[in-house]
Amino acid sequence: MLRSRALSLGLVALTIATLQTGCQKQADGSWKFVGEPSPNDIWKPAEDVTDFKTLFSQNCQACHGLGSVPGPAVAMDNPIYLSVVSEATIRNAITNGVKNTLMPAFSDQLGGSLTEKQIDIVLKGILANKPATPAAGLPTYNAVPGNAENGKALFAQSFAKNLPPEKTYLNPSFLALVSDQYIRTLVIAGLPELGYPDYRNFIPGRALTDQEVSDVTAWIISNRQNEFGKPIAPQTAAAAATPGAVTPQQ
């Protein structure tokens, strides 16, 4: 009995000694294991994150990609896109989202995950990739769709001439998810990381003119249909015809 009790006391003493050498007493009187991070080291309130890479990877990269990681939407370091789009348009898209598309509003005032300060950080980080000298003959970002029949002939000469429609911008699922402005954006900026060239290489050997961009955009839009198989009218004509209008669509 005495031996068992002595053994138990010895184990207790050993346990206490182990805890004392493996733990540290904190200023508030609590104990933690040596090397154990504090809750503040592990959890950081979302509104306190101010690193562009962290904010972009958590909120944008899954769709837009960055650098060597492509996404299904136009990359936010695409030099043509950044040359043609305005700062106000990008900010508007981040803050308010893009109606009738998968682009949500990120402003915390609208139920999103970013504060105004964080939106500023994301915008500044994106614009850091903007080229100092835009490409020559750059088309305008926003314009009324042009002549669809001329656009059809141009599309027939394009990079997509040897691809089935479902592998091009004529994919019905794609057309159902994107805005008319986004179609124009892709004709201009392309998705080169996914094999879809910009306006300079849309037709091999020469660049599209501004009018031709409008015509191709009109042809692609004309292929969008509703659930009854009827064409859907262009979305951007009214906004594009308004001087100085800021369209949040990408």
C-alpha atoms as a PDB file:
ATOM      1  CA  MET A   1       0.000   0.000   0.000  1.00  0.00           C
ATOM      2  CA  LEU A   2       2.711   2.453   0.999  1.00  0.00           C
ATOM      3  CA  ARG A   3       4.699   1.556  -2.061  1.00  0.00           C
ATOM      4  CA  SER A   4       1.689   2.149  -4.361  1.00  0.00           C
ATOM      5  CA  ARG A   5       1.022   5.493  -2.710  1.00  0.00           C
ATOM      6  CA  ALA A   6       4.657   6.520  -3.113  1.00  0.00           C
ATOM      7  CA  LEU A   7       4.534   5.516  -6.757  1.00  0.00           C
ATOM      8  CA  SER A   8       1.392   7.560  -7.319  1.00  0.00           C
ATOM      9  CA  LEU A   9       2.927  10.594  -5.646  1.00  0.00           C
ATOM     10  CA  GLY A  10       6.012  10.148  -7.794  1.00  0.00           C
ATOM     11  CA  LEU A  11       3.930  10.120 -10.973  1.00  0.00           C
ATOM     12  CA  VAL A  12       2.093  13.255  -9.865  1.00  0.00           C
ATOM     13  CA  ALA A  13       5.398  15.006  -9.152  1.00  0.00           C
ATOM     14  CA  LEU A  14       6.760  13.928 -12.532  1.00  0.00           C
ATOM     15  CA  THR A  15       3.626  15.201 -14.281  1.00  0.00           C
ATOM     16  CA  ILE A  16       3.868  18.563 -12.487  1.00  0.00           C
ATOM     17  CA  ALA A  17       7.532  18.867 -13.373  1.00  0.00           C
ATOM     18  CA  THR A  18       6.807  18.052 -17.008  1.00  0.00           C
ATOM     19  CA  LEU A  19       4.020  20.618 -17.165  1.00  0.00           C
ATOM     20  CA  GLN A  20       6.187  23.251 -15.530  1.00  0.00           C
ATOM     21  CA  THR A  21       9.049  22.748 -17.977  1.00  0.00           C
ATOM     22  CA  GLY A  22       6.720  22.442 -21.014  1.00  0.00           C
ATOM     23  CA  CYS A  23       4.436  25.357 -20.173  1.00  0.00           C
ATOM     24  CA  GLN A  24       4.781  29.056 -19.746  1.00  0.00           C
ATOM     25  CA  LYS A  25       2.718  31.256 -17.486  1.00  0.00           C
ATOM     26  CA  GLN A  26       1.188  34.225 -19.282  1.00  0.00           C
ATOM     27  CA  ALA A  27       0.711  37.780 -18.023  1.00  0.00           C
ATOM     28  CA  ASP A  28      -2.981  37.096 -17.410  1.00  0.00           C
ATOM     29  CA  GLY A  29      -2.149  34.095 -15.195  1.00  0.00           C
ATOM     30  CA  SER A  30      -3.035  31.462 -17.772  1.00  0.00           C
ATOM     31  CA  TRP A  31      -0.666  28.738 -18.961  1.00  0.00           C
ATOM     32  CA  LYS A  32       0.245  27.585 -22.447  1.00  0.00           C
ATOM     33  CA  PHE A  33       2.652  25.055 -23.893  1.00  0.00           C
ATOM     34  CA  VAL A  34       6.015  26.316 -25.077  1.00  0.00           C
ATOM     35  CA  GLY A  35       5.700  27.231 -28.773  1.00  0.00           C
ATOM     36  CA  GLU A  36       1.903  27.179 -28.707  1.00  0.00           C
ATOM     37  CA  PRO A  37       0.550  30.183 -30.657  1.00  0.00           C
ATOM     38  CA  SER A  38      -1.879  32.483 -28.944  1.00  0.00           C
ATOM     39  CA  PRO A  39      -5.380  32.946 -30.354  1.00  0.00           C
ATOM     40  CA  ASN A  40      -4.328  36.319 -31.779  1.00  0.00           C
ATOM     41  CA  ASP A  41      -1.550  34.575 -33.696  1.00  0.00           C
ATOM     42  CA  ILE A  42      -4.011  32.106 -35.257  1.00  0.00           C
ATOM     43  CA  TRP A  43      -7.110  34.178 -35.847  1.00  0.00           C
ATOM     44  CA  LYS A  44      -7.009  37.617 -37.386  1.00  0.00           C
ATOM     45  CA  PRO A  45     -10.285  39.486 -37.856  1.00  0.00           C
ATOM     46  CA  ALA A  46     -11.138  39.648 -41.571  1.00  0.00           C
ATOM     47  CA  GLU A  47     -11.355  43.433 -41.524  1.00  0.00           C
ATOM     48  CA  ASP A  48      -7.768  43.653 -40.248  1.00  0.00           C
ATOM     49  CA  VAL A  49      -6.248  41.918 -43.289  1.00  0.00           C
ATOM     50  CA  THR A  50      -4.356  44.519 -45.317  1.00  0.00           C
ATOM     51  CA  ASP A  51      -2.106  42.383 -47.526  1.00  0.00           C
ATOM     52  CA  PHE A  52      -3.040  42.508 -51.218  1.00  0.00           C
ATOM     53  CA  LYS A  53      -1.983  38.940 -51.985  1.00  0.00           C
ATOM     54  CA  THR A  54      -4.046  37.582 -49.106  1.00  0.00           C
ATOM     55  CA  LEU A  55      -7.110  39.639 -49.998  1.00  0.00           C
ATOM     56  CA  PHE A  56      -6.839  38.758 -53.691  1.00  0.00           C
ATOM     57  CA  SER A  57      -6.293  35.042 -53.099  1.00  0.00           C
ATOM     58  CA  GLN A  58      -9.234  34.842 -50.696  1.00  0.00           C
ATOM     59  CA  ASN A  59     -11.711  36.856 -52.754  1.00  0.00           C
ATOM     60  CA  CYS A  60     -10.672  37.103 -56.424  1.00  0.00           C
ATOM     61  CA  GLN A  61      -8.171  34.494 -57.548  1.00  0.00           C
ATOM     62  CA  ALA A  62     -10.586  31.565 -57.916  1.00  0.00           C
ATOM     63  CA  CYS A  63     -12.251  33.341 -60.858  1.00  0.00           C
ATOM     64  CA  HIS A  64      -9.673  35.799 -62.149  1.00  0.00           C
ATOM     65  CA  GLY A  65      -6.396  34.020 -61.500  1.00  0.00           C
ATOM     66  CA  LEU A  66      -3.119  35.872 -61.239  1.00  0.00           C
ATOM     67  CA  GLY A  67       0.335  35.260 -62.659  1.00  0.00           C
ATOM     68  CA  SER A  68       0.890  31.607 -63.492  1.00  0.00           C
ATOM     69  CA  VAL A  69      -2.448  30.551 -61.981  1.00  0.00           C
ATOM     70  CA  PRO A  70      -5.176  31.016 -64.630  1.00  0.00           C
ATOM     71  CA  GLY A  71      -8.851  31.428 -63.835  1.00  0.00           C
ATOM     72  CA  PRO A  72     -12.017  31.134 -65.936  1.00  0.00           C
ATOM     73  CA  ALA A  73     -12.463  34.941 -66.090  1.00  0.00           C
ATOM     74  CA  VAL A  74     -10.175  37.654 -67.453  1.00  0.00           C
ATOM     75  CA  ALA A  75      -6.967  37.824 -65.420  1.00  0.00           C
ATOM     76  CA  MET A  76      -6.443  40.904 -63.293  1.00  0.00           C
ATOM     77  CA  ASP A  77      -2.897  41.208 -64.610  1.00  0.00           C
ATOM     78  CA  ASN A  78      -3.952  41.040 -68.282  1.00  0.00           C
ATOM     79  CA  PRO A  79      -2.118  44.069 -69.759  1.00  0.00           C
ATOM     80  CA  ILE A  80      -4.668  44.713 -72.518  1.00  0.00           C
ATOM     81  CA  TYR A  81      -7.568  44.625 -70.074  1.00  0.00           C
ATOM     82  CA  LEU A  82      -5.818  46.960 -67.645  1.00  0.00           C
ATOM     83  CA  SER A  83      -4.989  49.357 -70.486  1.00  0.00           C
ATOM     84  CA  VAL A  84      -8.546  49.603 -71.765  1.00  0.00           C
ATOM     85  CA  VAL A  85     -10.639  49.557 -68.583  1.00  0.00           C
ATOM     86  CA  SER A  86     -10.965  52.550 -66.267  1.00  0.00           C
ATOM     87  CA  GLU A  87     -10.105  52.572 -62.585  1.00  0.00           C
ATOM     88  CA  ALA A  88     -13.679  53.646 -61.818  1.00  0.00           C
ATOM     89  CA  THR A  89     -15.085  50.602 -63.645  1.00  0.00           C
ATOM     90  CA  ILE A  90     -12.906  48.146 -61.730  1.00  0.00           C
ATOM     91  CA  ARG A  91     -13.759  49.797 -58.413  1.00  0.00           C
ATOM     92  CA  ASN A  92     -17.453  49.738 -59.283  1.00  0.00           C
ATOM     93  CA  ALA A  93     -17.303  46.038 -60.149  1.00  0.00           C
ATOM     94  CA  ILE A  94     -15.493  45.129 -56.921  1.00  0.00           C
ATOM     95  CA  THR A  95     -17.779  47.278 -54.773  1.00  0.00           C
ATOM     96  CA  ASN A  96     -21.179  46.626 -56.369  1.00  0.00           C
ATOM     97  CA  GLY A  97     -20.657  43.420 -58.322  1.00  0.00           C
ATOM     98  CA  VAL A  98     -22.001  42.894 -61.844  1.00  0.00           C
ATOM     99  CA  LYS A  99     -25.736  42.437 -62.165  1.00  0.00           C
ATOM    100  CA  ASN A 100     -26.960  39.165 -63.705  1.00  0.00           C
ATOM    101  CA  THR A 101     -23.492  37.585 -63.590  1.00  0.00           C
ATOM    102  CA  LEU A 102     -21.473  35.541 -61.102  1.00  0.00           C
ATOM    103  CA  MET A 103     -19.522  38.632 -59.983  1.00  0.00           C
ATOM    104  CA  PRO A 104     -20.820  39.480 -56.471  1.00  0.00           C
ATOM    105  CA  ALA A 105     -20.676  42.754 -54.586  1.00  0.00           C
ATOM    106  CA  PHE A 106     -17.649  42.667 -52.252  1.00  0.00           C
ATOM    107  CA  SER A 107     -18.481  45.797 -50.257  1.00  0.00           C
ATOM    108  CA  ASP A 108     -19.299  44.960 -46.645  1.00  0.00           C
ATOM    109  CA  GLN A 109     -22.016  47.615 -46.910  1.00  0.00           C
ATOM    110  CA  LEU A 110     -23.747  45.336 -49.437  1.00  0.00           C
ATOM    111  CA  GLY A 111     -23.156  42.082 -47.583  1.00  0.00           C
ATOM    112  CA  GLY A 112     -19.715  41.408 -49.039  1.00  0.00           C
ATOM    113  CA  SER A 113     -16.441  40.582 -47.326  1.00  0.00           C
ATOM    114  CA  LEU A 114     -14.330  43.711 -47.936  1.00  0.00           C
ATOM    115  CA  THR A 115     -14.205  47.053 -46.212  1.00  0.00           C
ATOM    116  CA  GLU A 116     -13.713  50.224 -48.237  1.00  0.00           C
ATOM    117  CA  LYS A 117     -10.066  50.279 -47.132  1.00  0.00           C
ATOM    118  CA  GLN A 118      -9.579  46.702 -48.343  1.00  0.00           C
ATOM    119  CA  ILE A 119     -11.223  47.501 -51.683  1.00  0.00           C
ATOM    120  CA  ASP A 120      -8.696  50.324 -52.055  1.00  0.00           C
ATOM    121  CA  ILE A 121      -5.873  47.844 -51.367  1.00  0.00           C
ATOM    122  CA  VAL A 122      -7.182  45.315 -53.903  1.00  0.00           C
ATOM    123  CA  LEU A 123      -7.694  48.021 -56.532  1.00  0.00           C
ATOM    124  CA  LYS A 124      -4.204  49.440 -56.000  1.00  0.00           C
ATOM    125  CA  GLY A 125      -2.683  45.956 -56.235  1.00  0.00           C
ATOM    126  CA  ILE A 126      -4.488  45.240 -59.497  1.00  0.00           C
ATOM    127  CA  LEU A 127      -3.566  48.583 -61.057  1.00  0.00           C
ATOM    128  CA  ALA A 128       0.100  48.012 -60.176  1.00  0.00           C
ATOM    129  CA  ASN A 129       0.176  45.682 -63.210  1.00  0.00           C
ATOM    130  CA  LYS A 130      -1.150  48.341 -65.609  1.00  0.00           C
ATOM    131  CA  PRO A 131       1.318  48.963 -68.479  1.00  0.00           C
ATOM    132  CA  ALA A 132       2.900  52.385 -68.632  1.00  0.00           C
ATOM    133  CA  THR A 133       2.404  52.435 -72.417  1.00  0.00           C
ATOM    134  CA  PRO A 134      -0.860  50.961 -73.804  1.00  0.00           C
ATOM    135  CA  ALA A 135      -0.794  48.866 -76.981  1.00  0.00           C
ATOM    136  CA  ALA A 136      -1.204  50.756 -80.266  1.00  0.00           C
ATOM    137  CA  GLY A 137      -4.691  50.962 -81.756  1.00  0.00           C
ATOM    138  CA  LEU A 138      -6.359  49.926 -78.506  1.00  0.00           C
ATOM    139  CA  PRO A 139     -10.155  49.638 -78.971  1.00  0.00           C
ATOM    140  CA  THR A 140     -12.522  51.501 -76.668  1.00  0.00           C
ATOM    141  CA  TYR A 141     -13.713  49.584 -73.637  1.00  0.00           C
ATOM    142  CA  ASN A 142     -17.420  50.343 -73.909  1.00  0.00           C
ATOM    143  CA  ALA A 143     -19.334  50.777 -77.187  1.00  0.00           C
ATOM    144  CA  VAL A 144     -22.677  49.948 -78.787  1.00  0.00           C
ATOM    145  CA  PRO A 145     -22.629  46.503 -80.483  1.00  0.00           C
ATOM    146  CA  GLY A 146     -22.037  46.799 -84.231  1.00  0.00           C
ATOM    147  CA  ASN A 147     -23.069  44.871 -87.324  1.00  0.00           C
ATOM    148  CA  ALA A 148     -23.680  41.222 -86.458  1.00  0.00           C
ATOM    149  CA  GLU A 149     -23.456  39.983 -90.065  1.00  0.00           C
ATOM    150  CA  ASN A 150     -20.028  41.562 -90.513  1.00  0.00           C
ATOM    151  CA  GLY A 151     -19.066  40.140 -87.123  1.00  0.00           C
ATOM    152  CA  LYS A 152     -20.126  36.682 -88.292  1.00  0.00           C
ATOM    153  CA  ALA A 153     -17.756  36.895 -91.268  1.00  0.00           C
ATOM    154  CA  LEU A 154     -14.913  38.080 -89.024  1.00  0.00           C
ATOM    155  CA  PHE A 155     -15.584  35.319 -86.500  1.00  0.00           C
ATOM    156  CA  ALA A 156     -15.370  32.776 -89.316  1.00  0.00           C
ATOM    157  CA  GLN A 157     -11.769  33.941 -89.912  1.00  0.00           C
ATOM    158  CA  SER A 158     -10.875  33.955 -86.237  1.00  0.00           C
ATOM    159  CA  PHE A 159      -8.862  31.652 -84.009  1.00  0.00           C
ATOM    160  CA  ALA A 160     -12.115  29.732 -83.478  1.00  0.00           C
ATOM    161  CA  LYS A 161     -12.551  28.661 -87.118  1.00  0.00           C
ATOM    162  CA  ASN A 162     -11.323  25.137 -86.402  1.00  0.00           C
ATOM    163  CA  LEU A 163     -13.102  24.796 -83.070  1.00  0.00           C
ATOM    164  CA  PRO A 164     -16.643  23.552 -82.418  1.00  0.00           C
ATOM    165  CA  PRO A 165     -18.979  26.299 -81.080  1.00  0.00           C
ATOM    166  CA  GLU A 166     -18.979  24.878 -77.569  1.00  0.00           C
ATOM    167  CA  LYS A 167     -15.221  25.517 -77.397  1.00  0.00           C
ATOM    168  CA  THR A 168     -15.592  29.190 -78.340  1.00  0.00           C
ATOM    169  CA  TYR A 169     -17.408  32.286 -77.103  1.00  0.00           C
ATOM    170  CA  LEU A 170     -20.541  30.824 -78.726  1.00  0.00           C
ATOM    171  CA  ASN A 171     -20.919  28.244 -75.966  1.00  0.00           C
ATOM    172  CA  PRO A 172     -24.564  28.644 -74.803  1.00  0.00           C
ATOM    173  CA  SER A 173     -23.693  28.110 -71.141  1.00  0.00           C
ATOM    174  CA  PHE A 174     -21.015  30.791 -71.358  1.00  0.00           C
ATOM    175  CA  LEU A 175     -23.394  33.223 -73.071  1.00  0.00           C
ATOM    176  CA  ALA A 176     -25.976  32.654 -70.338  1.00  0.00           C
ATOM    177  CA  LEU A 177     -23.480  33.596 -67.595  1.00  0.00           C
ATOM    178  CA  VAL A 178     -21.791  36.735 -68.950  1.00  0.00           C
ATOM    179  CA  SER A 179     -22.807  40.295 -69.760  1.00  0.00           C
ATOM    180  CA  ASP A 180     -22.608  41.868 -73.207  1.00  0.00           C
ATOM    181  CA  GLN A 181     -19.844  44.164 -71.960  1.00  0.00           C
ATOM    182  CA  TYR A 182     -17.841  41.168 -70.771  1.00  0.00           C
ATOM    183  CA  ILE A 183     -18.087  39.644 -74.245  1.00  0.00           C
ATOM    184  CA  ARG A 184     -16.605  42.845 -75.694  1.00  0.00           C
ATOM    185  CA  THR A 185     -13.932  42.784 -72.992  1.00  0.00           C
ATOM    186  CA  LEU A 186     -12.876  39.278 -73.992  1.00  0.00           C
ATOM    187  CA  VAL A 187     -12.810  40.106 -77.709  1.00  0.00           C
ATOM    188  CA  ILE A 188     -10.416  42.937 -76.808  1.00  0.00           C
ATOM    189  CA  ALA A 189      -8.333  41.397 -74.008  1.00  0.00           C
ATOM    190  CA  GLY A 190      -8.768  37.689 -74.664  1.00  0.00           C
ATOM    191  CA  LEU A 191      -7.928  34.883 -72.275  1.00  0.00           C
ATOM    192  CA  PRO A 192      -4.411  34.157 -73.593  1.00  0.00           C
ATOM    193  CA  GLU A 193      -3.582  31.871 -70.666  1.00  0.00           C
ATOM    194  CA  LEU A 194      -6.455  29.621 -71.828  1.00  0.00           C
ATOM    195  CA  GLY A 195      -5.721  29.936 -75.551  1.00  0.00           C
ATOM    196  CA  TYR A 196      -8.165  32.754 -76.420  1.00  0.00           C
ATOM    197  CA  PRO A 197      -6.153  35.587 -78.037  1.00  0.00           C
ATOM    198  CA  ASP A 198      -6.706  39.331 -77.692  1.00  0.00           C
ATOM    199  CA  TYR A 199      -7.886  41.662 -80.481  1.00  0.00           C
ATOM    200  CA  ARG A 200      -4.392  41.759 -82.017  1.00  0.00           C
ATOM    201  CA  ASN A 201      -4.459  38.024 -82.746  1.00  0.00           C
ATOM    202  CA  PHE A 202      -8.194  37.284 -82.908  1.00  0.00           C
ATOM    203  CA  ILE A 203      -7.748  36.983 -86.674  1.00  0.00           C
ATOM    204  CA  PRO A 204      -4.306  35.619 -87.566  1.00  0.00           C
ATOM    205  CA  GLY A 205      -2.059  38.201 -89.163  1.00  0.00           C
ATOM    206  CA  ARG A 206      -3.779  41.448 -88.176  1.00  0.00           C
ATOM    207  CA  ALA A 207      -5.513  43.288 -85.366  1.00  0.00           C
ATOM    208  CA  LEU A 208      -9.234  44.026 -85.191  1.00  0.00           C
ATOM    209  CA  THR A 209     -10.262  47.652 -85.584  1.00  0.00           C
ATOM    210  CA  ASP A 210     -12.528  49.282 -83.022  1.00  0.00           C
ATOM    211  CA  GLN A 211     -15.514  48.864 -85.358  1.00  0.00           C
ATOM    212  CA  GLU A 212     -14.650  45.223 -85.980  1.00  0.00           C
ATOM    213  CA  VAL A 213     -14.537  44.591 -82.239  1.00  0.00           C
ATOM    214  CA  SER A 214     -18.070  46.024 -82.058  1.00  0.00           C
ATOM    215  CA  ASP A 215     -19.178  43.842 -84.984  1.00  0.00           C
ATOM    216  CA  VAL A 216     -17.735  40.626 -83.536  1.00  0.00           C
ATOM    217  CA  THR A 217     -19.274  41.467 -80.168  1.00  0.00           C
ATOM    218  CA  ALA A 218     -22.664  41.939 -81.860  1.00  0.00           C
ATOM    219  CA  TRP A 219     -22.388  38.557 -83.595  1.00  0.00           C
ATOM    220  CA  ILE A 220     -21.500  36.725 -80.396  1.00  0.00           C
ATOM    221  CA  ILE A 221     -24.343  38.465 -78.516  1.00  0.00           C
ATOM    222  CA  SER A 222     -26.803  37.529 -81.276  1.00  0.00           C
ATOM    223  CA  ASN A 223     -26.236  33.862 -80.460  1.00  0.00           C
ATOM    224  CA  ARG A 224     -27.594  34.247 -76.933  1.00  0.00           C
ATOM    225  CA  GLN A 225     -31.061  32.764 -76.587  1.00  0.00           C
ATOM    226  CA  ASN A 226     -33.676  32.559 -73.850  1.00  0.00           C
ATOM    227  CA  GLU A 227     -35.327  29.352 -72.667  1.00  0.00           C
ATOM    228  CA  PHE A 228     -37.715  29.521 -75.638  1.00  0.00           C
ATOM    229  CA  GLY A 229     -34.920  29.679 -78.212  1.00  0.00           C
ATOM    230  CA  LYS A 230     -35.523  33.353 -78.975  1.00  0.00           C
ATOM    231  CA  PRO A 231     -32.639  35.864 -79.324  1.00  0.00           C
ATOM    232  CA  ILE A 232     -32.042  38.134 -76.322  1.00  0.00           C
ATOM    233  CA  ALA A 233     -31.603  41.857 -76.992  1.00  0.00           C
ATOM    234  CA  PRO A 234     -28.167  43.415 -76.245  1.00  0.00           C
ATOM    235  CA  GLN A 235     -27.769  44.629 -72.658  1.00  0.00           C
ATOM    236  CA  THR A 236     -25.285  47.443 -73.113  1.00  0.00           C
ATOM    237  CA  ALA A 237     -26.711  49.621 -75.893  1.00  0.00           C
ATOM    238  CA  ALA A 238     -28.433  52.139 -73.610  1.00  0.00           C
ATOM    239  CA  ALA A 239     -25.496  52.421 -71.204  1.00  0.00           C
ATOM    240  CA  ALA A 240     -22.926  52.654 -73.971  1.00  0.00           C
ATOM    241  CA  ALA A 241     -24.908  55.390 -75.728  1.00  0.00           C
ATOM    242  CA  THR A 242     -24.861  57.558 -72.613  1.00  0.00           C
ATOM    243  CA  PRO A 243     -21.754  59.821 -72.641  1.00  0.00           C
ATOM    244  CA  GLY A 244     -19.679  59.426 -69.506  1.00  0.00           C
ATOM    245  CA  ALA A 245     -21.650  56.443 -68.261  1.00  0.00           C
ATOM    246  CA  VAL A 246     -19.741  54.159 -65.919  1.00  0.00           C
ATOM    247  CA  THR A 247     -20.659  50.543 -66.510  1.00  0.00           C
ATOM    248  CA  PRO A 248     -19.722  48.177 -63.668  1.00  0.00           C
ATOM    249  CA  GLN A 249     -19.687  45.193 -66.000  1.00  0.00           C
ATOM    250  CA  GLN A 250     -16.301  43.759 -66.793  1.00  0.00           C
END
